[in-house]
Structures are given as C-alpha cells and as structure tokens.
C-alpha cells in the first residue's frame, strides 16, 4: 500500500486539482482564485501548491449550484478518471477489462504514446496516469518531462509500468521520487489498492 497516500488522508489541505474538482471549476480558475486570495494557499519546499481545505469547503458552502447539476457534481467528486498510456493494444485492452471488472466508479481512457497521452491529459485532466516508458513517437520519459512543466501535473497520481530494469531507468535519466514504478507484468492487485486509496481520498475531500 502507498504510505504516502495513507498519510494524506488525515491532512487539512488539498492540491489545486482536488480543489478544482470539489468546486466544479477548471484548474486555471482555481489557480486564479489562489492568486486573488479567494482560496488560502501556500507552497511546499518542493514548490507544490497546497490549498487550505477549510477555505475550499467554506467557498463550496457559499456557492449555490443549480439543483439539476448537484447530483452530477457529487458523482464527479466521487469517481476516478484514469488514463493509460501504452503502445501494446493487447495490454491496453487488459487494463480496461481488469479495471472495469472491479465495479468501482472509474472511467478509463487510453493512448498509444506520449503525444496522444498529453492531448488526452489536456482534455480529461485524469486523476491517475499509468504510463509505459518505451513507446514510439514520444516515450514515457518525454511525456513525464513535458507534463512536469504544466499545471496538470499537480495532484495527479502517476504510476509507471515498464519492462525496464531500475538500472536502465536510472541510465535513461531516472524518474521523480514521487512516481511509483511497477515492473511488468502488471500488478493488478496493487493497482486496485492504489485506486481504492485515491477514491477514499476523493470522498474524504468531498465531505
């Protein structure tokens, strides 16, 4: 189990992405609300923005969404969006069939390389990115380096699933410490645990 996720369950802050989802706004709008003081926030030593959950909840209570959208908003807060970037079509189908068979409130999108992945990240802003490293056109390293320079990275859980050995990954430039790595074949039991923790985090924040 990812202890980093466990530790976050009892915190009184959230990421920009999580605040945006709770409030039903875009990530950019959440950033603007931080900049103009509408949301209370600070930055960690690593440069990641953290937003006071109390200020998010206070704003949420003061906003009055239309009644017909309230159910949709609650459902979005309690569901999980997953993007799988992998060039093996058989493995992509296996991901979708396995994850959808869990009966959890998740949606799964797929891409065949880093370029397609970045396009879908811009459209979907997924909560969990699962990516291979060796892919055509743009590999996983390129995808992650590009993603790190965008606001979409903040609050996104990233899991790399690769056939590369640890030494090969380091020789290719390595990965950030906060990215979890599974070695193929896919550890679906561990992946399910990770998704369960993310959903629990979502429900805790939505309360």
N, C-alpha and C. Protein backbone atom coordinates (compact mmCIF):
# COMPACT_ATOMS: atom_id res chain seq x y z
N UNK A 1 0.85 -1.20 0.00
CA UNK A 1 0.00 0.00 0.00
C UNK A 1 0.88 1.24 0.00
N UNK A 2 0.44 2.28 -0.68
CA UNK A 2 1.22 3.51 -0.80
C UNK A 2 1.06 4.32 0.48
N UNK A 3 2.10 4.33 1.34
CA UNK A 3 2.00 5.04 2.61
C UNK A 3 1.86 6.53 2.42
N UNK A 4 2.37 7.04 1.33
CA UNK A 4 2.24 8.48 1.06
C UNK A 4 0.77 8.85 0.92
N UNK A 5 -0.01 7.97 0.29
CA UNK A 5 -1.44 8.22 0.15
C UNK A 5 -2.13 8.10 1.51
N UNK A 6 -1.73 7.10 2.31
CA UNK A 6 -2.33 6.93 3.63
C UNK A 6 -2.14 8.18 4.46
N UNK A 7 -0.92 8.74 4.43
CA UNK A 7 -0.62 9.91 5.24
C UNK A 7 -1.45 11.11 4.84
N UNK A 8 -1.81 11.21 3.56
CA UNK A 8 -2.56 12.35 3.08
C UNK A 8 -4.03 12.31 3.50
N UNK A 9 -4.52 11.14 3.91
CA UNK A 9 -5.93 11.01 4.22
C UNK A 9 -6.34 11.85 5.42
N UNK A 10 -5.41 12.17 6.31
CA UNK A 10 -5.73 12.90 7.52
C UNK A 10 -5.30 14.36 7.43
N UNK A 11 -4.90 14.86 6.29
CA UNK A 11 -4.42 16.23 6.17
C UNK A 11 -5.56 17.21 6.06
N UNK A 12 -5.25 18.50 6.26
CA UNK A 12 -6.26 19.55 6.16
C UNK A 12 -5.99 20.43 4.95
N UNK A 13 -5.35 19.88 3.92
CA UNK A 13 -5.10 20.62 2.70
C UNK A 13 -5.40 19.75 1.50
N UNK A 14 -5.42 20.38 0.33
CA UNK A 14 -5.62 19.63 -0.91
C UNK A 14 -4.80 20.29 -2.01
N UNK A 15 -4.69 19.63 -3.14
CA UNK A 15 -3.97 20.19 -4.27
C UNK A 15 -4.90 21.09 -5.08
N UNK A 16 -4.32 21.83 -6.02
CA UNK A 16 -5.12 22.67 -6.90
C UNK A 16 -6.12 21.84 -7.68
N UNK A 17 -5.68 20.69 -8.17
CA UNK A 17 -6.55 19.79 -8.93
C UNK A 17 -7.74 19.35 -8.08
N UNK A 18 -7.46 18.95 -6.85
CA UNK A 18 -8.53 18.47 -5.98
C UNK A 18 -9.50 19.59 -5.64
N UNK A 19 -8.97 20.79 -5.39
CA UNK A 19 -9.84 21.94 -5.09
C UNK A 19 -10.74 22.25 -6.28
N UNK A 20 -10.16 22.19 -7.48
CA UNK A 20 -10.93 22.47 -8.69
C UNK A 20 -12.05 21.45 -8.86
N UNK A 21 -11.76 20.19 -8.59
CA UNK A 21 -12.78 19.15 -8.76
C UNK A 21 -13.89 19.32 -7.72
N UNK A 22 -13.52 19.60 -6.48
CA UNK A 22 -14.52 19.77 -5.43
C UNK A 22 -15.46 20.93 -5.76
N UNK A 23 -14.89 22.02 -6.28
CA UNK A 23 -15.67 23.23 -6.56
C UNK A 23 -16.32 23.21 -7.94
N UNK A 24 -15.96 22.24 -8.76
CA UNK A 24 -16.54 22.16 -10.10
C UNK A 24 -16.04 23.26 -11.03
N UNK A 25 -14.76 23.62 -10.89
CA UNK A 25 -14.17 24.66 -11.72
C UNK A 25 -12.93 24.10 -12.41
N UNK A 26 -12.36 24.87 -13.33
CA UNK A 26 -11.15 24.43 -14.01
C UNK A 26 -9.94 24.63 -13.11
N UNK A 27 -8.86 23.93 -13.43
CA UNK A 27 -7.62 24.10 -12.67
C UNK A 27 -7.13 25.54 -12.76
N UNK A 28 -7.24 26.13 -13.94
CA UNK A 28 -6.80 27.51 -14.11
C UNK A 28 -7.60 28.47 -13.24
N UNK A 29 -8.92 28.25 -13.15
CA UNK A 29 -9.75 29.09 -12.29
C UNK A 29 -9.34 28.96 -10.84
N UNK A 30 -9.05 27.73 -10.41
CA UNK A 30 -8.59 27.52 -9.03
C UNK A 30 -7.28 28.26 -8.79
N UNK A 31 -6.38 28.26 -9.78
CA UNK A 31 -5.12 28.99 -9.65
C UNK A 31 -5.37 30.48 -9.51
N UNK A 32 -6.30 31.00 -10.30
CA UNK A 32 -6.62 32.43 -10.23
C UNK A 32 -7.23 32.79 -8.88
N UNK A 33 -8.06 31.90 -8.35
CA UNK A 33 -8.67 32.16 -7.05
C UNK A 33 -7.63 32.14 -5.93
N UNK A 34 -6.59 31.34 -6.11
CA UNK A 34 -5.49 31.37 -5.15
C UNK A 34 -4.75 32.69 -5.24
N UNK A 35 -4.47 33.11 -6.48
CA UNK A 35 -3.71 34.33 -6.69
C UNK A 35 -4.43 35.58 -6.19
N UNK A 36 -5.78 35.58 -6.28
CA UNK A 36 -6.51 36.77 -5.82
C UNK A 36 -6.99 36.65 -4.37
N UNK A 37 -6.59 35.56 -3.70
CA UNK A 37 -6.89 35.42 -2.28
C UNK A 37 -8.22 34.77 -1.96
N UNK A 38 -8.99 34.37 -2.97
CA UNK A 38 -10.27 33.71 -2.72
C UNK A 38 -10.07 32.39 -2.01
N UNK A 39 -9.00 31.68 -2.37
CA UNK A 39 -8.61 30.44 -1.70
C UNK A 39 -7.29 30.66 -0.97
N UNK A 40 -7.20 30.13 0.23
CA UNK A 40 -5.98 30.24 1.03
C UNK A 40 -5.00 29.14 0.64
N UNK A 41 -3.77 29.53 0.30
CA UNK A 41 -2.81 28.53 -0.17
C UNK A 41 -1.39 28.91 0.20
N UNK A 42 -0.50 27.94 0.07
CA UNK A 42 0.92 28.14 0.28
C UNK A 42 1.67 27.13 -0.59
N UNK A 43 2.98 27.26 -0.64
CA UNK A 43 3.79 26.32 -1.42
C UNK A 43 4.72 25.55 -0.52
N UNK A 44 4.91 24.27 -0.84
CA UNK A 44 5.84 23.43 -0.10
C UNK A 44 7.27 23.76 -0.50
N UNK A 45 8.23 23.17 0.20
CA UNK A 45 9.63 23.40 -0.15
C UNK A 45 9.93 22.91 -1.55
N UNK A 46 9.19 21.92 -2.01
CA UNK A 46 9.39 21.40 -3.36
C UNK A 46 8.69 22.21 -4.43
N UNK A 47 8.00 23.29 -4.02
CA UNK A 47 7.34 24.15 -4.99
C UNK A 47 5.93 23.75 -5.36
N UNK A 48 5.34 22.78 -4.63
CA UNK A 48 3.98 22.34 -4.92
C UNK A 48 2.98 23.18 -4.13
N UNK A 49 1.93 23.63 -4.79
CA UNK A 49 0.92 24.45 -4.14
C UNK A 49 -0.02 23.58 -3.33
N UNK A 50 -0.30 24.02 -2.10
CA UNK A 50 -1.26 23.35 -1.24
C UNK A 50 -2.32 24.36 -0.83
N UNK A 51 -3.57 23.95 -0.89
CA UNK A 51 -4.70 24.83 -0.62
C UNK A 51 -5.41 24.38 0.65
N UNK A 52 -5.74 25.33 1.50
CA UNK A 52 -6.46 25.02 2.74
C UNK A 52 -7.80 24.39 2.41
N UNK A 53 -8.03 23.18 2.93
CA UNK A 53 -9.28 22.50 2.68
C UNK A 53 -10.45 23.27 3.30
N UNK A 54 -10.19 23.92 4.42
CA UNK A 54 -11.24 24.71 5.08
C UNK A 54 -11.71 25.84 4.17
N UNK A 55 -10.77 26.48 3.47
CA UNK A 55 -11.16 27.58 2.58
C UNK A 55 -11.93 27.06 1.38
N UNK A 56 -11.60 25.86 0.91
CA UNK A 56 -12.34 25.25 -0.20
C UNK A 56 -13.76 24.92 0.25
N UNK A 57 -13.88 24.31 1.40
CA UNK A 57 -15.20 23.93 1.90
C UNK A 57 -16.06 25.15 2.21
N UNK A 58 -15.43 26.20 2.73
CA UNK A 58 -16.16 27.43 3.01
C UNK A 58 -16.71 28.04 1.72
N UNK A 59 -15.88 28.04 0.68
CA UNK A 59 -16.31 28.57 -0.61
C UNK A 59 -17.40 27.69 -1.21
N UNK A 60 -17.25 26.39 -1.06
CA UNK A 60 -18.24 25.44 -1.58
C UNK A 60 -19.60 25.67 -0.94
N UNK A 61 -19.61 25.93 0.36
CA UNK A 61 -20.86 26.16 1.08
C UNK A 61 -21.53 27.46 0.65
N UNK A 62 -20.72 28.46 0.31
CA UNK A 62 -21.26 29.76 -0.07
C UNK A 62 -21.76 29.80 -1.50
N UNK A 63 -21.27 28.86 -2.32
CA UNK A 63 -21.72 28.80 -3.71
C UNK A 63 -23.00 27.98 -3.77
N UNK A 64 -23.93 28.39 -4.60
CA UNK A 64 -25.21 27.70 -4.73
C UNK A 64 -25.37 27.16 -6.15
N UNK A 65 -24.90 25.95 -6.44
CA UNK A 65 -25.02 25.39 -7.79
C UNK A 65 -26.48 25.09 -8.10
N UNK A 66 -26.85 25.12 -9.38
CA UNK A 66 -28.21 24.77 -9.77
C UNK A 66 -28.56 23.37 -9.30
N UNK A 67 -29.82 23.19 -8.89
CA UNK A 67 -30.23 21.90 -8.32
C UNK A 67 -30.02 20.76 -9.29
N UNK A 68 -30.24 21.00 -10.58
CA UNK A 68 -30.15 19.91 -11.54
C UNK A 68 -28.72 19.44 -11.76
N UNK A 69 -27.71 20.22 -11.33
CA UNK A 69 -26.32 19.81 -11.52
C UNK A 69 -25.70 19.27 -10.24
N UNK A 70 -26.39 19.33 -9.14
CA UNK A 70 -25.82 18.92 -7.86
C UNK A 70 -25.46 17.44 -7.86
N UNK A 71 -26.35 16.59 -8.38
CA UNK A 71 -26.07 15.15 -8.41
C UNK A 71 -24.88 14.85 -9.29
N UNK A 72 -24.80 15.52 -10.45
CA UNK A 72 -23.67 15.30 -11.35
C UNK A 72 -22.38 15.71 -10.69
N UNK A 73 -22.41 16.83 -9.93
CA UNK A 73 -21.20 17.31 -9.25
C UNK A 73 -20.73 16.32 -8.21
N UNK A 74 -21.68 15.77 -7.42
CA UNK A 74 -21.31 14.78 -6.39
C UNK A 74 -20.72 13.53 -7.02
N UNK A 75 -21.32 13.08 -8.11
CA UNK A 75 -20.82 11.87 -8.79
C UNK A 75 -19.41 12.10 -9.31
N UNK A 76 -19.14 13.29 -9.86
CA UNK A 76 -17.81 13.58 -10.38
C UNK A 76 -16.78 13.59 -9.27
N UNK A 77 -17.18 14.12 -8.09
CA UNK A 77 -16.25 14.19 -6.97
C UNK A 77 -15.88 12.80 -6.47
N UNK A 78 -16.80 11.84 -6.59
CA UNK A 78 -16.58 10.53 -6.02
C UNK A 78 -16.15 9.49 -7.06
N UNK A 79 -15.87 9.91 -8.29
CA UNK A 79 -15.39 8.99 -9.31
C UNK A 79 -13.93 9.27 -9.61
N UNK A 80 -13.31 8.33 -10.29
CA UNK A 80 -11.88 8.41 -10.56
C UNK A 80 -11.64 8.31 -12.06
N UNK A 81 -10.86 9.25 -12.59
CA UNK A 81 -10.53 9.26 -14.01
C UNK A 81 -9.11 8.72 -14.19
N UNK A 82 -8.97 7.69 -15.03
CA UNK A 82 -7.68 7.03 -15.25
C UNK A 82 -7.31 7.11 -16.73
N UNK A 83 -6.07 7.46 -16.98
CA UNK A 83 -5.54 7.44 -18.35
C UNK A 83 -4.39 6.45 -18.41
N UNK A 84 -4.47 5.49 -19.33
CA UNK A 84 -3.40 4.50 -19.53
C UNK A 84 -2.69 4.81 -20.85
N UNK A 85 -1.38 5.02 -20.79
CA UNK A 85 -0.59 5.29 -21.99
C UNK A 85 0.33 4.10 -22.22
N UNK A 86 0.08 3.37 -23.28
CA UNK A 86 0.77 2.09 -23.54
C UNK A 86 0.64 1.77 -25.02
N UNK A 87 1.73 1.36 -25.66
CA UNK A 87 1.68 1.11 -27.10
C UNK A 87 1.24 -0.31 -27.46
N UNK A 88 1.08 -1.19 -26.49
CA UNK A 88 0.65 -2.57 -26.73
C UNK A 88 -0.88 -2.63 -26.64
N UNK A 89 -1.55 -2.85 -27.78
CA UNK A 89 -3.01 -2.87 -27.81
C UNK A 89 -3.61 -3.96 -26.93
N UNK A 90 -2.98 -5.13 -26.89
CA UNK A 90 -3.48 -6.21 -26.06
C UNK A 90 -3.44 -5.83 -24.59
N UNK A 91 -2.36 -5.17 -24.19
CA UNK A 91 -2.24 -4.75 -22.80
C UNK A 91 -3.23 -3.64 -22.47
N UNK A 92 -3.47 -2.74 -23.41
CA UNK A 92 -4.48 -1.70 -23.19
C UNK A 92 -5.85 -2.32 -22.94
N UNK A 93 -6.21 -3.32 -23.74
CA UNK A 93 -7.50 -3.98 -23.55
C UNK A 93 -7.55 -4.70 -22.20
N UNK A 94 -6.41 -5.26 -21.79
CA UNK A 94 -6.36 -5.94 -20.50
C UNK A 94 -6.56 -4.94 -19.36
N UNK A 95 -5.93 -3.79 -19.46
CA UNK A 95 -6.13 -2.74 -18.45
C UNK A 95 -7.61 -2.41 -18.32
N UNK A 96 -8.25 -2.12 -19.46
CA UNK A 96 -9.65 -1.70 -19.43
C UNK A 96 -10.54 -2.80 -18.85
N UNK A 97 -10.35 -4.04 -19.29
CA UNK A 97 -11.21 -5.12 -18.83
C UNK A 97 -11.02 -5.39 -17.34
N UNK A 98 -9.78 -5.36 -16.88
CA UNK A 98 -9.50 -5.62 -15.47
C UNK A 98 -10.06 -4.50 -14.58
N UNK A 99 -9.78 -3.26 -14.94
CA UNK A 99 -10.22 -2.14 -14.11
C UNK A 99 -11.74 -2.03 -14.09
N UNK A 100 -12.37 -2.18 -15.25
CA UNK A 100 -13.83 -2.07 -15.31
C UNK A 100 -14.51 -3.23 -14.59
N UNK A 101 -13.83 -4.38 -14.48
CA UNK A 101 -14.41 -5.54 -13.79
C UNK A 101 -14.44 -5.35 -12.27
N UNK A 102 -13.69 -4.37 -11.76
CA UNK A 102 -13.68 -4.13 -10.31
C UNK A 102 -15.00 -3.58 -9.80
N UNK A 103 -15.80 -3.00 -10.69
CA UNK A 103 -17.07 -2.43 -10.27
C UNK A 103 -16.92 -1.16 -9.47
N UNK A 104 -15.82 -0.46 -9.65
CA UNK A 104 -15.56 0.79 -8.94
C UNK A 104 -15.98 1.97 -9.83
N UNK A 105 -16.28 3.12 -9.23
CA UNK A 105 -16.66 4.30 -10.03
C UNK A 105 -15.44 4.92 -10.71
N UNK A 106 -15.00 4.30 -11.78
CA UNK A 106 -13.84 4.78 -12.51
C UNK A 106 -14.15 4.86 -14.01
N UNK A 107 -13.44 5.77 -14.69
CA UNK A 107 -13.50 5.83 -16.15
C UNK A 107 -12.08 5.64 -16.66
N UNK A 108 -11.93 4.87 -17.73
CA UNK A 108 -10.61 4.54 -18.26
C UNK A 108 -10.48 5.03 -19.70
N UNK A 109 -9.49 5.88 -19.95
CA UNK A 109 -9.16 6.31 -21.31
C UNK A 109 -7.78 5.75 -21.65
N UNK A 110 -7.49 5.59 -22.94
CA UNK A 110 -6.22 5.01 -23.35
C UNK A 110 -5.56 5.83 -24.45
N UNK A 111 -4.23 5.76 -24.48
CA UNK A 111 -3.44 6.42 -25.51
C UNK A 111 -2.28 5.51 -25.87
N UNK A 112 -1.75 5.66 -27.09
CA UNK A 112 -0.71 4.74 -27.58
C UNK A 112 0.71 5.30 -27.45
N UNK A 113 0.85 6.57 -27.14
CA UNK A 113 2.18 7.15 -26.96
C UNK A 113 2.07 8.46 -26.18
N UNK A 114 3.21 9.07 -25.91
CA UNK A 114 3.23 10.27 -25.10
C UNK A 114 2.48 11.44 -25.71
N UNK A 115 2.52 11.57 -27.02
CA UNK A 115 1.83 12.67 -27.68
C UNK A 115 0.33 12.55 -27.50
N UNK A 116 -0.20 11.35 -27.77
CA UNK A 116 -1.63 11.12 -27.55
C UNK A 116 -1.98 11.31 -26.08
N UNK A 117 -1.08 10.86 -25.22
CA UNK A 117 -1.31 11.00 -23.78
C UNK A 117 -1.45 12.44 -23.35
N UNK A 118 -0.56 13.32 -23.84
CA UNK A 118 -0.62 14.73 -23.48
C UNK A 118 -1.91 15.38 -23.97
N UNK A 119 -2.35 15.00 -25.15
CA UNK A 119 -3.60 15.55 -25.69
C UNK A 119 -4.77 15.17 -24.79
N UNK A 120 -4.81 13.90 -24.37
CA UNK A 120 -5.91 13.45 -23.52
C UNK A 120 -5.81 14.03 -22.12
N UNK A 121 -4.61 14.25 -21.62
CA UNK A 121 -4.45 14.88 -20.31
C UNK A 121 -5.04 16.28 -20.33
N UNK A 122 -4.80 17.02 -21.44
CA UNK A 122 -5.38 18.35 -21.57
C UNK A 122 -6.89 18.33 -21.62
N UNK A 123 -7.45 17.28 -22.23
CA UNK A 123 -8.91 17.18 -22.34
C UNK A 123 -9.57 16.66 -21.07
N UNK A 124 -8.95 15.64 -20.45
CA UNK A 124 -9.60 14.90 -19.37
C UNK A 124 -9.12 15.25 -17.98
N UNK A 125 -7.88 15.77 -17.87
CA UNK A 125 -7.27 16.05 -16.56
C UNK A 125 -7.44 14.85 -15.63
N UNK A 126 -6.89 13.68 -15.98
CA UNK A 126 -7.12 12.46 -15.19
C UNK A 126 -6.53 12.54 -13.79
N UNK A 127 -7.12 11.78 -12.89
CA UNK A 127 -6.61 11.70 -11.52
C UNK A 127 -5.39 10.78 -11.43
N UNK A 128 -5.40 9.73 -12.26
CA UNK A 128 -4.32 8.74 -12.24
C UNK A 128 -3.82 8.52 -13.66
N UNK A 129 -2.51 8.69 -13.83
CA UNK A 129 -1.87 8.41 -15.11
C UNK A 129 -1.04 7.15 -14.95
N UNK A 130 -1.29 6.16 -15.82
CA UNK A 130 -0.50 4.93 -15.86
C UNK A 130 0.24 4.93 -17.18
N UNK A 131 1.57 4.91 -17.15
CA UNK A 131 2.32 5.05 -18.40
C UNK A 131 3.46 4.05 -18.51
N UNK A 132 3.62 3.54 -19.72
CA UNK A 132 4.81 2.76 -20.07
C UNK A 132 5.94 3.76 -20.30
N UNK A 133 7.16 3.29 -20.41
CA UNK A 133 8.28 4.18 -20.70
C UNK A 133 8.76 4.06 -22.14
N UNK A 134 8.78 2.85 -22.68
CA UNK A 134 9.27 2.65 -24.04
C UNK A 134 8.09 2.64 -25.00
N UNK A 135 7.96 3.74 -25.77
CA UNK A 135 6.86 3.90 -26.72
C UNK A 135 7.35 4.68 -27.93
N UNK A 136 6.69 4.55 -29.08
CA UNK A 136 7.10 5.28 -30.28
C UNK A 136 6.69 6.75 -30.21
N UNK A 137 7.29 7.56 -31.08
CA UNK A 137 7.00 9.00 -31.23
C UNK A 137 7.40 9.80 -30.01
N UNK A 138 6.72 9.66 -28.90
CA UNK A 138 7.16 10.24 -27.63
C UNK A 138 7.08 9.17 -26.56
N UNK A 139 8.22 8.88 -25.91
CA UNK A 139 8.21 7.83 -24.89
C UNK A 139 7.72 8.37 -23.56
N UNK A 140 7.70 7.48 -22.55
CA UNK A 140 7.21 7.87 -21.24
C UNK A 140 8.06 8.92 -20.57
N UNK A 141 9.37 8.89 -20.79
CA UNK A 141 10.24 9.91 -20.21
C UNK A 141 9.88 11.29 -20.75
N UNK A 142 9.69 11.37 -22.06
CA UNK A 142 9.31 12.64 -22.67
C UNK A 142 7.96 13.12 -22.19
N UNK A 143 7.02 12.19 -22.05
CA UNK A 143 5.69 12.53 -21.54
C UNK A 143 5.78 13.13 -20.15
N UNK A 144 6.52 12.49 -19.27
CA UNK A 144 6.60 12.95 -17.89
C UNK A 144 7.36 14.27 -17.77
N UNK A 145 8.41 14.45 -18.58
CA UNK A 145 9.15 15.72 -18.56
C UNK A 145 8.26 16.87 -19.03
N UNK A 146 7.49 16.63 -20.08
CA UNK A 146 6.59 17.67 -20.58
C UNK A 146 5.48 17.96 -19.59
N UNK A 147 4.92 16.92 -19.03
CA UNK A 147 3.83 17.07 -18.06
C UNK A 147 4.28 17.86 -16.84
N UNK A 148 5.54 17.68 -16.42
CA UNK A 148 6.05 18.37 -15.23
C UNK A 148 6.04 19.89 -15.40
N UNK A 149 6.01 20.37 -16.64
CA UNK A 149 6.04 21.82 -16.89
C UNK A 149 4.63 22.40 -17.03
N UNK A 150 3.61 21.61 -16.74
CA UNK A 150 2.22 22.07 -16.89
C UNK A 150 1.49 22.02 -15.54
N UNK A 151 0.40 22.77 -15.40
CA UNK A 151 -0.38 22.72 -14.15
C UNK A 151 -1.11 21.40 -13.96
N UNK A 152 -1.21 20.60 -15.03
CA UNK A 152 -1.92 19.32 -14.92
C UNK A 152 -1.18 18.33 -14.02
N UNK A 153 0.13 18.50 -13.85
CA UNK A 153 0.91 17.57 -13.04
C UNK A 153 0.53 17.62 -11.57
N UNK A 154 0.18 18.82 -11.10
CA UNK A 154 -0.08 18.98 -9.67
C UNK A 154 -1.31 18.18 -9.24
N UNK A 155 -1.11 17.29 -8.27
CA UNK A 155 -2.21 16.50 -7.75
C UNK A 155 -2.52 15.24 -8.54
N UNK A 156 -1.83 15.04 -9.67
CA UNK A 156 -2.06 13.84 -10.47
C UNK A 156 -1.18 12.70 -9.94
N UNK A 157 -1.78 11.58 -9.65
CA UNK A 157 -1.01 10.40 -9.25
C UNK A 157 -0.45 9.76 -10.52
N UNK A 158 0.83 9.40 -10.50
CA UNK A 158 1.45 8.81 -11.68
C UNK A 158 2.05 7.46 -11.33
N UNK A 159 1.74 6.48 -12.14
CA UNK A 159 2.28 5.14 -11.98
C UNK A 159 2.94 4.73 -13.30
N UNK A 160 4.21 4.38 -13.23
CA UNK A 160 4.92 3.87 -14.40
C UNK A 160 4.91 2.34 -14.35
N UNK A 161 4.52 1.71 -15.45
CA UNK A 161 4.54 0.25 -15.56
C UNK A 161 5.44 -0.08 -16.75
N UNK A 162 6.56 -0.71 -16.48
CA UNK A 162 7.58 -0.87 -17.52
C UNK A 162 8.30 -2.21 -17.42
N UNK A 163 8.88 -2.63 -18.54
CA UNK A 163 9.73 -3.81 -18.58
C UNK A 163 11.18 -3.44 -18.32
N UNK A 164 11.49 -2.14 -18.26
CA UNK A 164 12.86 -1.69 -18.00
C UNK A 164 13.27 -2.01 -16.56
N UNK A 165 14.52 -2.36 -16.38
CA UNK A 165 15.05 -2.58 -15.04
C UNK A 165 15.38 -1.23 -14.40
N UNK A 166 15.50 -1.23 -13.07
CA UNK A 166 15.78 0.02 -12.35
C UNK A 166 17.06 0.69 -12.86
N UNK A 167 18.09 -0.12 -13.12
CA UNK A 167 19.36 0.43 -13.60
C UNK A 167 19.20 1.09 -14.96
N UNK A 168 18.35 0.50 -15.81
CA UNK A 168 18.10 1.08 -17.14
C UNK A 168 17.35 2.40 -17.02
N UNK A 169 16.42 2.47 -16.08
CA UNK A 169 15.66 3.71 -15.88
C UNK A 169 16.60 4.82 -15.41
N UNK A 170 17.48 4.49 -14.48
CA UNK A 170 18.43 5.49 -13.98
C UNK A 170 19.38 5.94 -15.09
N UNK A 171 19.81 5.01 -15.90
CA UNK A 171 20.72 5.35 -17.00
C UNK A 171 20.05 6.26 -18.02
N UNK A 172 18.73 6.17 -18.12
CA UNK A 172 17.98 7.00 -19.07
C UNK A 172 17.59 8.35 -18.48
N UNK A 173 18.04 8.62 -17.27
CA UNK A 173 17.75 9.92 -16.65
C UNK A 173 16.93 9.83 -15.39
N UNK A 174 16.38 8.64 -15.09
CA UNK A 174 15.63 8.44 -13.85
C UNK A 174 14.25 9.07 -13.88
N UNK A 175 13.52 8.86 -12.78
CA UNK A 175 12.18 9.39 -12.62
C UNK A 175 12.08 10.13 -11.29
N UNK A 176 11.18 11.09 -11.17
CA UNK A 176 10.97 11.77 -9.88
C UNK A 176 10.62 10.76 -8.79
N UNK A 177 11.01 11.06 -7.55
CA UNK A 177 10.80 10.13 -6.45
C UNK A 177 9.33 9.88 -6.14
N UNK A 178 8.45 10.82 -6.49
CA UNK A 178 7.05 10.64 -6.14
C UNK A 178 6.29 9.81 -7.17
N UNK A 179 6.99 9.28 -8.16
CA UNK A 179 6.34 8.42 -9.15
C UNK A 179 6.59 6.97 -8.80
N UNK A 180 5.51 6.23 -8.64
CA UNK A 180 5.60 4.81 -8.28
C UNK A 180 5.90 4.00 -9.54
N UNK A 181 6.72 2.96 -9.42
CA UNK A 181 7.11 2.13 -10.57
C UNK A 181 6.71 0.69 -10.32
N UNK A 182 5.96 0.12 -11.24
CA UNK A 182 5.68 -1.32 -11.26
C UNK A 182 6.45 -1.91 -12.44
N UNK A 183 7.00 -3.08 -12.25
CA UNK A 183 7.66 -3.77 -13.35
C UNK A 183 6.71 -4.80 -13.94
N UNK A 184 6.67 -4.85 -15.26
CA UNK A 184 5.77 -5.79 -15.94
C UNK A 184 6.12 -7.22 -15.58
N UNK A 185 5.13 -8.13 -15.49
CA UNK A 185 3.71 -7.92 -15.81
C UNK A 185 3.00 -7.02 -14.80
N UNK A 186 1.86 -6.48 -15.21
CA UNK A 186 1.13 -5.51 -14.40
C UNK A 186 0.66 -6.13 -13.09
N UNK A 187 0.86 -5.41 -11.99
CA UNK A 187 0.42 -5.86 -10.67
C UNK A 187 -1.00 -5.34 -10.46
N UNK A 188 -2.01 -6.04 -10.96
CA UNK A 188 -3.37 -5.51 -10.90
C UNK A 188 -3.92 -5.44 -9.47
N UNK A 189 -3.50 -6.33 -8.60
CA UNK A 189 -3.96 -6.27 -7.21
C UNK A 189 -3.46 -4.99 -6.54
N UNK A 190 -2.18 -4.64 -6.76
CA UNK A 190 -1.63 -3.41 -6.20
C UNK A 190 -2.26 -2.19 -6.85
N UNK A 191 -2.54 -2.29 -8.14
CA UNK A 191 -3.18 -1.18 -8.84
C UNK A 191 -4.58 -0.93 -8.27
N UNK A 192 -5.29 -2.00 -7.98
CA UNK A 192 -6.63 -1.84 -7.39
C UNK A 192 -6.54 -1.16 -6.03
N UNK A 193 -5.57 -1.55 -5.22
CA UNK A 193 -5.39 -0.93 -3.91
C UNK A 193 -5.12 0.56 -4.05
N UNK A 194 -4.28 0.92 -5.01
CA UNK A 194 -3.97 2.32 -5.26
C UNK A 194 -5.24 3.09 -5.64
N UNK A 195 -6.06 2.52 -6.51
CA UNK A 195 -7.30 3.18 -6.93
C UNK A 195 -8.27 3.32 -5.75
N UNK A 196 -8.34 2.32 -4.91
CA UNK A 196 -9.21 2.39 -3.73
C UNK A 196 -8.78 3.52 -2.81
N UNK A 197 -7.48 3.69 -2.64
CA UNK A 197 -6.96 4.77 -1.79
C UNK A 197 -7.27 6.14 -2.39
N UNK A 198 -7.13 6.26 -3.69
CA UNK A 198 -7.44 7.53 -4.36
C UNK A 198 -8.92 7.87 -4.23
N UNK A 199 -9.79 6.87 -4.37
CA UNK A 199 -11.22 7.10 -4.22
C UNK A 199 -11.56 7.50 -2.78
N UNK A 200 -10.91 6.87 -1.83
CA UNK A 200 -11.14 7.22 -0.43
C UNK A 200 -10.72 8.65 -0.17
N UNK A 201 -9.58 9.04 -0.74
CA UNK A 201 -9.11 10.42 -0.61
C UNK A 201 -10.14 11.38 -1.21
N UNK A 202 -10.70 11.04 -2.36
CA UNK A 202 -11.69 11.88 -3.02
C UNK A 202 -12.91 12.07 -2.15
N UNK A 203 -13.39 10.99 -1.52
CA UNK A 203 -14.59 11.07 -0.69
C UNK A 203 -14.32 11.86 0.59
N UNK A 204 -13.11 11.72 1.14
CA UNK A 204 -12.76 12.48 2.33
C UNK A 204 -12.77 13.97 2.02
N UNK A 205 -12.22 14.35 0.87
CA UNK A 205 -12.16 15.75 0.50
C UNK A 205 -13.54 16.32 0.18
N UNK A 206 -14.43 15.48 -0.33
CA UNK A 206 -15.76 15.95 -0.75
C UNK A 206 -16.70 16.15 0.43
N UNK A 207 -16.34 15.68 1.61
CA UNK A 207 -17.23 15.80 2.78
C UNK A 207 -17.27 17.24 3.28
